[in-house]
C-alpha atoms as a PDB file:
ATOM      1  CA  MET A   1     -27.453  69.164  95.983  1.00  0.00           C
ATOM      2  CA  PRO A   2     -29.555  70.405  93.110  1.00  0.00           C
ATOM      3  CA  VAL A   3     -29.666  73.901  91.799  1.00  0.00           C
ATOM      4  CA  ARG A   4     -33.300  74.813  91.188  1.00  0.00           C
ATOM      5  CA  PRO A   5     -34.608  76.410  87.992  1.00  0.00           C
ATOM      6  CA  ASP A   6     -35.489  79.589  89.925  1.00  0.00           C
ATOM      7  CA  ASP A   7     -31.882  80.021  91.219  1.00  0.00           C
ATOM      8  CA  PRO A   8     -29.855  82.685  89.372  1.00  0.00           C
ATOM      9  CA  THR A   9     -27.882  81.608  86.316  1.00  0.00           C
ATOM     10  CA  GLY A  10     -24.435  80.400  87.359  1.00  0.00           C
ATOM     11  CA  SER A  11     -25.556  79.163  90.781  1.00  0.00           C
ATOM     12  CA  TYR A  12     -23.760  76.175  92.296  1.00  0.00           C
ATOM     13  CA  PHE A  13     -23.640  74.168  95.515  1.00  0.00           C
ATOM     14  CA  TYR A  14     -20.927  75.409  97.902  1.00  0.00           C
ATOM     15  CA  SER A  15     -20.291  72.633 100.416  1.00  0.00           C
ATOM     16  CA  TRP A  16     -18.397  74.875 102.883  1.00  0.00           C
ATOM     17  CA  GLY A  17     -20.783  77.736 102.375  1.00  0.00           C
ATOM     18  CA  VAL A  18     -22.661  79.598 105.072  1.00  0.00           C
ATOM     19  CA  PRO A  19     -25.259  82.342 104.776  1.00  0.00           C
ATOM     20  CA  THR A  20     -24.005  85.913 105.126  1.00  0.00           C
ATOM     21  CA  PRO A  21     -23.985  86.889 108.818  1.00  0.00           C
ATOM     22  CA  PRO A  22     -27.004  88.959 109.861  1.00  0.00           C
ATOM     23  CA  GLY A  23     -26.717  92.413 111.396  1.00  0.00           C
ATOM     24  CA  GLU A  24     -23.686  94.678 111.622  1.00  0.00           C
ATOM     25  CA  TRP A  25     -20.219  93.213 111.132  1.00  0.00           C
ATOM     26  CA  ASN A  26     -16.923  94.160 109.527  1.00  0.00           C
ATOM     27  CA  TYR A  27     -14.279  92.361 107.545  1.00  0.00           C
ATOM     28  CA  ARG A  28     -11.033  91.382 109.267  1.00  0.00           C
ATOM     29  CA  LEU A  29      -7.721  90.174 107.954  1.00  0.00           C
ATOM     30  CA  ASP A  30      -7.357  86.425 108.003  1.00  0.00           C
ATOM     31  CA  GLU A  31      -3.562  86.696 107.854  1.00  0.00           C
ATOM     32  CA  PHE A  32      -0.613  88.878 108.911  1.00  0.00           C
ATOM     33  CA  VAL A  33       0.513  91.621 106.509  1.00  0.00           C
ATOM     34  CA  HIS A  34       2.924  94.537 106.478  1.00  0.00           C
ATOM     35  CA  TYR A  35       1.875  98.009 105.386  1.00  0.00           C
ATOM     36  CA  GLY A  36       3.635  99.613 102.451  1.00  0.00           C
ATOM     37  CA  PRO A  37       3.508 102.721 100.248  1.00  0.00           C
ATOM     38  CA  GLY A  38       0.944 103.694  97.637  1.00  0.00           C
ATOM     39  CA  TRP A  39      -2.786 103.296  97.270  1.00  0.00           C
ATOM     40  CA  TRP A  40      -2.762  99.600  98.229  1.00  0.00           C
ATOM     41  CA  PRO A  41      -1.748  99.208 101.889  1.00  0.00           C
ATOM     42  CA  PHE A  42      -1.077  95.442 102.066  1.00  0.00           C
ATOM     43  CA  TYR A  43       2.397  94.006 101.515  1.00  0.00           C
ATOM     44  CA  THR A  44       4.315  90.793 102.153  1.00  0.00           C
ATOM     45  CA  PHE A  45       7.871  90.906 103.461  1.00  0.00           C
ATOM     46  CA  PHE A  46      10.440  88.932 101.487  1.00  0.00           C
ATOM     47  CA  PRO A  47      13.769  88.142 103.161  1.00  0.00           C
ATOM     48  CA  ALA A  48      16.974  88.570 101.208  1.00  0.00           C
ATOM     49  CA  SER A  49      18.100  85.663  99.077  1.00  0.00           C
ATOM     50  CA  ARG A  50      21.149  85.043  96.954  1.00  0.00           C
ATOM     51  CA  ASP A  51      19.442  86.776  94.010  1.00  0.00           C
ATOM     52  CA  THR A  52      17.287  89.488  95.578  1.00  0.00           C
ATOM     53  CA  PRO A  53      17.503  91.978  98.454  1.00  0.00           C
ATOM     54  CA  GLU A  54      14.924  91.904 101.221  1.00  0.00           C
ATOM     55  CA  GLY A  55      11.863  94.062 100.723  1.00  0.00           C
ATOM     56  CA  LEU A  56       8.121  94.467 100.549  1.00  0.00           C
ATOM     57  CA  LEU A  57       5.900  93.376  97.675  1.00  0.00           C
ATOM     58  CA  GLN A  58       2.237  94.250  97.214  1.00  0.00           C
ATOM     59  CA  SER A  59       0.099  91.237  97.991  1.00  0.00           C
ATOM     60  CA  GLY A  60      -3.478  90.122  97.943  1.00  0.00           C
ATOM     61  CA  VAL A  61      -5.232  89.545 101.245  1.00  0.00           C
ATOM     62  CA  ARG A  62      -7.736  87.035 102.548  1.00  0.00           C
ATOM     63  CA  ILE A  63     -10.507  88.669 104.582  1.00  0.00           C
ATOM     64  CA  CYS A  64     -13.586  87.324 106.356  1.00  0.00           C
ATOM     65  CA  PRO A  65     -16.402  88.563 108.602  1.00  0.00           C
ATOM     66  CA  ASP A  66     -15.376  89.294 112.198  1.00  0.00           C
ATOM     67  CA  THR A  67     -18.340  87.471 113.703  1.00  0.00           C
ATOM     68  CA  GLU A  68     -16.821  84.012 114.258  1.00  0.00           C
ATOM     69  CA  LYS A  69     -13.393  82.420 114.653  1.00  0.00           C
ATOM     70  CA  ARG A  70     -13.576  79.693 112.022  1.00  0.00           C
ATOM     71  CA  ALA A  71     -13.054  79.056 108.347  1.00  0.00           C
ATOM     72  CA  TRP A  72     -15.721  80.919 106.441  1.00  0.00           C
ATOM     73  CA  GLY A  73     -15.713  79.221 103.071  1.00  0.00           C
ATOM     74  CA  SER A  74     -18.171  81.220 101.016  1.00  0.00           C
ATOM     75  CA  GLU A  75     -17.787  84.366 103.131  1.00  0.00           C
ATOM     76  CA  THR A  76     -14.001  84.552 102.691  1.00  0.00           C
ATOM     77  CA  VAL A  77     -12.905  87.113 100.106  1.00  0.00           C
ATOM     78  CA  LEU A  78      -9.565  87.239  98.287  1.00  0.00           C
ATOM     79  CA  LEU A  79      -8.846  90.873  97.497  1.00  0.00           C
ATOM     80  CA  TRP A  80      -6.079  91.764  95.022  1.00  0.00           C
ATOM     81  CA  PRO A  81      -4.372  94.981  93.930  1.00  0.00           C
ATOM     82  CA  ASN A  82      -4.068  95.722  90.238  1.00  0.00           C
ATOM     83  CA  ARG A  83      -0.287  95.701  89.929  1.00  0.00           C
ATOM     84  CA  HIS A  84      -0.202  96.141  86.168  1.00  0.00           C
ATOM     85  CA  SER A  85      -2.333  99.093  85.133  1.00  0.00           C
ATOM     86  CA  ASP A  86      -3.711 101.168  88.026  1.00  0.00           C
ATOM     87  CA  PRO A  87      -2.380 100.776  91.575  1.00  0.00           C
ATOM     88  CA  ALA A  88      -5.515 102.416  93.020  1.00  0.00           C
ATOM     89  CA  ILE A  89      -7.743  99.591  91.723  1.00  0.00           C
ATOM     90  CA  ALA A  90      -8.407  96.355  93.618  1.00  0.00           C
ATOM     91  CA  THR A  91     -10.546  93.404  92.560  1.00  0.00           C
ATOM     92  CA  ALA A  92     -12.265  90.459  94.215  1.00  0.00           C
ATOM     93  CA  THR A  93     -14.735  87.693  93.516  1.00  0.00           C
ATOM     94  CA  LEU A  94     -17.654  87.600  95.943  1.00  0.00           C
ATOM     95  CA  HIS A  95     -19.409  84.325  96.731  1.00  0.00           C
ATOM     96  CA  LEU A  96     -23.032  85.289  97.348  1.00  0.00           C
ATOM     97  CA  CYS A  97     -25.500  83.112  99.228  1.00  0.00           C
ATOM     98  CA  VAL A  98     -28.629  82.457  97.201  1.00  0.00           C
ATOM     99  CA  ARG A  99     -30.130  80.137  99.841  1.00  0.00           C
ATOM    100  CA  PRO A 100     -29.162  77.473 102.402  1.00  0.00           C
ATOM    101  CA  GLN A 101     -29.010  73.953 100.971  1.00  0.00           C
ATOM    102  CA  GLY A 102     -28.308  70.931 103.154  1.00  0.00           C
ATOM    103  CA  LEU A 103     -24.936  71.372 104.872  1.00  0.00           C
ATOM    104  CA  GLY A 104     -23.938  74.256 102.591  1.00  0.00           C
ATOM    105  CA  VAL A 105     -25.479  76.916 100.403  1.00  0.00           C
ATOM    106  CA  ILE A 106     -26.448  77.518  96.838  1.00  0.00           C
ATOM    107  CA  ALA A 107     -24.112  80.329  95.827  1.00  0.00           C
ATOM    108  CA  VAL A 108     -23.413  82.513  92.839  1.00  0.00           C
ATOM    109  CA  ASP A 109     -20.242  84.519  92.178  1.00  0.00           C
ATOM    110  CA  THR A 110     -19.847  88.090  91.058  1.00  0.00           C
ATOM    111  CA  LYS A 111     -16.887  90.386  90.453  1.00  0.00           C
ATOM    112  CA  LEU A 112     -16.110  93.467  92.505  1.00  0.00           C
ATOM    113  CA  THR A 113     -13.850  96.384  91.595  1.00  0.00           C
ATOM    114  CA  ILE A 114     -12.758  98.932  94.192  1.00  0.00           C
ATOM    115  CA  ASP A 115     -11.303 102.315  93.236  1.00  0.00           C
ATOM    116  CA  LEU A 116      -9.246 103.512  96.207  1.00  0.00           C
ATOM    117  CA  ARG A 117      -8.574 106.898  94.609  1.00  0.00           C
ATOM    118  CA  ALA A 118     -12.272 107.697  94.122  1.00  0.00           C
ATOM    119  CA  LYS A 119     -13.328 105.753  97.267  1.00  0.00           C
ATOM    120  CA  THR A 120     -15.954 103.892  95.263  1.00  0.00           C
ATOM    121  CA  PHE A 121     -16.817 100.337  94.306  1.00  0.00           C
ATOM    122  CA  CYS A 122     -18.493  98.720  91.337  1.00  0.00           C
ATOM    123  CA  VAL A 123     -20.327  95.413  91.534  1.00  0.00           C
ATOM    124  CA  SER A 124     -20.418  93.648  88.177  1.00  0.00           C
ATOM    125  CA  PRO A 125     -23.468  94.553  86.079  1.00  0.00           C
ATOM    126  CA  ASN A 126     -23.856  90.771  85.608  1.00  0.00           C
ATOM    127  CA  CYS A 127     -24.585  90.298  89.322  1.00  0.00           C
ATOM    128  CA  PRO A 128     -28.005  88.615  89.595  1.00  0.00           C
ATOM    129  CA  GLN A 129     -30.685  90.941  90.959  1.00  0.00           C
ATOM    130  CA  PRO A 130     -31.770  88.611  93.816  1.00  0.00           C
ATOM    131  CA  VAL A 131     -28.288  88.902  95.412  1.00  0.00           C
ATOM    132  CA  ARG A 132     -27.301  92.417  94.287  1.00  0.00           C
ATOM    133  CA  GLU A 133     -28.082  94.047  97.649  1.00  0.00           C
ATOM    134  CA  GLN A 134     -25.929  91.408  99.397  1.00  0.00           C
ATOM    135  CA  ALA A 135     -23.082  92.147  96.942  1.00  0.00           C
ATOM    136  CA  GLU A 136     -23.341  95.908  97.427  1.00  0.00           C
ATOM    137  CA  THR A 137     -23.388  95.555 101.227  1.00  0.00           C
ATOM    138  CA  LYS A 138     -20.265  93.386 101.123  1.00  0.00           C
ATOM    139  CA  ALA A 139     -18.586  95.772  98.669  1.00  0.00           C
ATOM    140  CA  ALA A 140     -19.222  98.782 100.936  1.00  0.00           C
ATOM    141  CA  ARG A 141     -17.781  96.879 103.910  1.00  0.00           C
ATOM    142  CA  ILE A 142     -14.721  95.815 101.919  1.00  0.00           C
ATOM    143  CA  LEU A 143     -14.086  99.412 100.835  1.00  0.00           C
ATOM    144  CA  ARG A 144     -14.448 100.533 104.468  1.00  0.00           C
ATOM    145  CA  PHE A 145     -12.027  97.749 105.520  1.00  0.00           C
ATOM    146  CA  VAL A 146      -9.320  98.874 103.067  1.00  0.00           C
ATOM    147  CA  GLN A 147      -9.795 102.533 104.030  1.00  0.00           C
ATOM    148  CA  HIS A 148      -9.408 101.558 107.712  1.00  0.00           C
ATOM    149  CA  HIS A 149      -6.056  99.886 107.009  1.00  0.00           C
ATOM    150  CA  ARG A 150      -4.890 102.836 104.907  1.00  0.00           C
ATOM    151  CA  SER A 151      -5.694 105.077 107.907  1.00  0.00           C
ATOM    152  CA  ARG A 152      -3.721 102.783 110.227  1.00  0.00           C
ATOM    153  CA  ARG A 153      -0.760 102.993 107.881  1.00  0.00           C
ATOM    154  CA  ARG A 154      -0.974 106.812 107.735  1.00  0.00           C
ATOM    155  CA  ALA A 155      -1.035 106.825 111.554  1.00  0.00           C
ATOM    156  CA  GLY A 156       2.380 105.135 111.563  1.00  0.00           C
ATOM    157  CA  LYS A 157       1.427 101.486 112.028  1.00  0.00           C
ATOM    158  CA  LYS A 158       3.875  99.130 110.310  1.00  0.00           C
ATOM    159  CA  ASN A 159       1.785  95.976 110.079  1.00  0.00           C
ATOM    160  CA  SER A 160      -1.617  94.480 110.780  1.00  0.00           C
ATOM    161  CA  ASP A 161      -0.651  93.315 114.312  1.00  0.00           C
ATOM    162  CA  THR A 162       0.410  96.754 115.545  1.00  0.00           C
ATOM    163  CA  GLU A 163      -2.121  98.169 118.001  1.00  0.00           C
END
């Protein structure tokens, strides 16, 4: 599955890749999480063990478009909190569809940073121009997704399954 000379630098064949869904859609959690305190709403519950008490620990989440019930491959995003320097910052790598290719896509990756305090996002300045709009659209939807779950937590919900 060849990458063409006119594909952005860093492009590669993604065999499980699909083009970004057209039209309006949102991200959804692809796993169960608990809500916890602070800027980052997503936590994993750890039961007590011989060495540690039970509790919640900030965790990354896997999210995907809410348009189909299947593995998304290139459209799945792993979103992580910055546990070490600023708890209001989250990061992700976006897999961007350059073009369909055979049974997959030619994709290129770019980094995303979300500032939950400022309610802003920053797509890497190294993001290739041909896919920048796609990256910014995904980034805005990811920010909206996290804000939605922060609102659910403020409304008293305890986890992602609570209606």
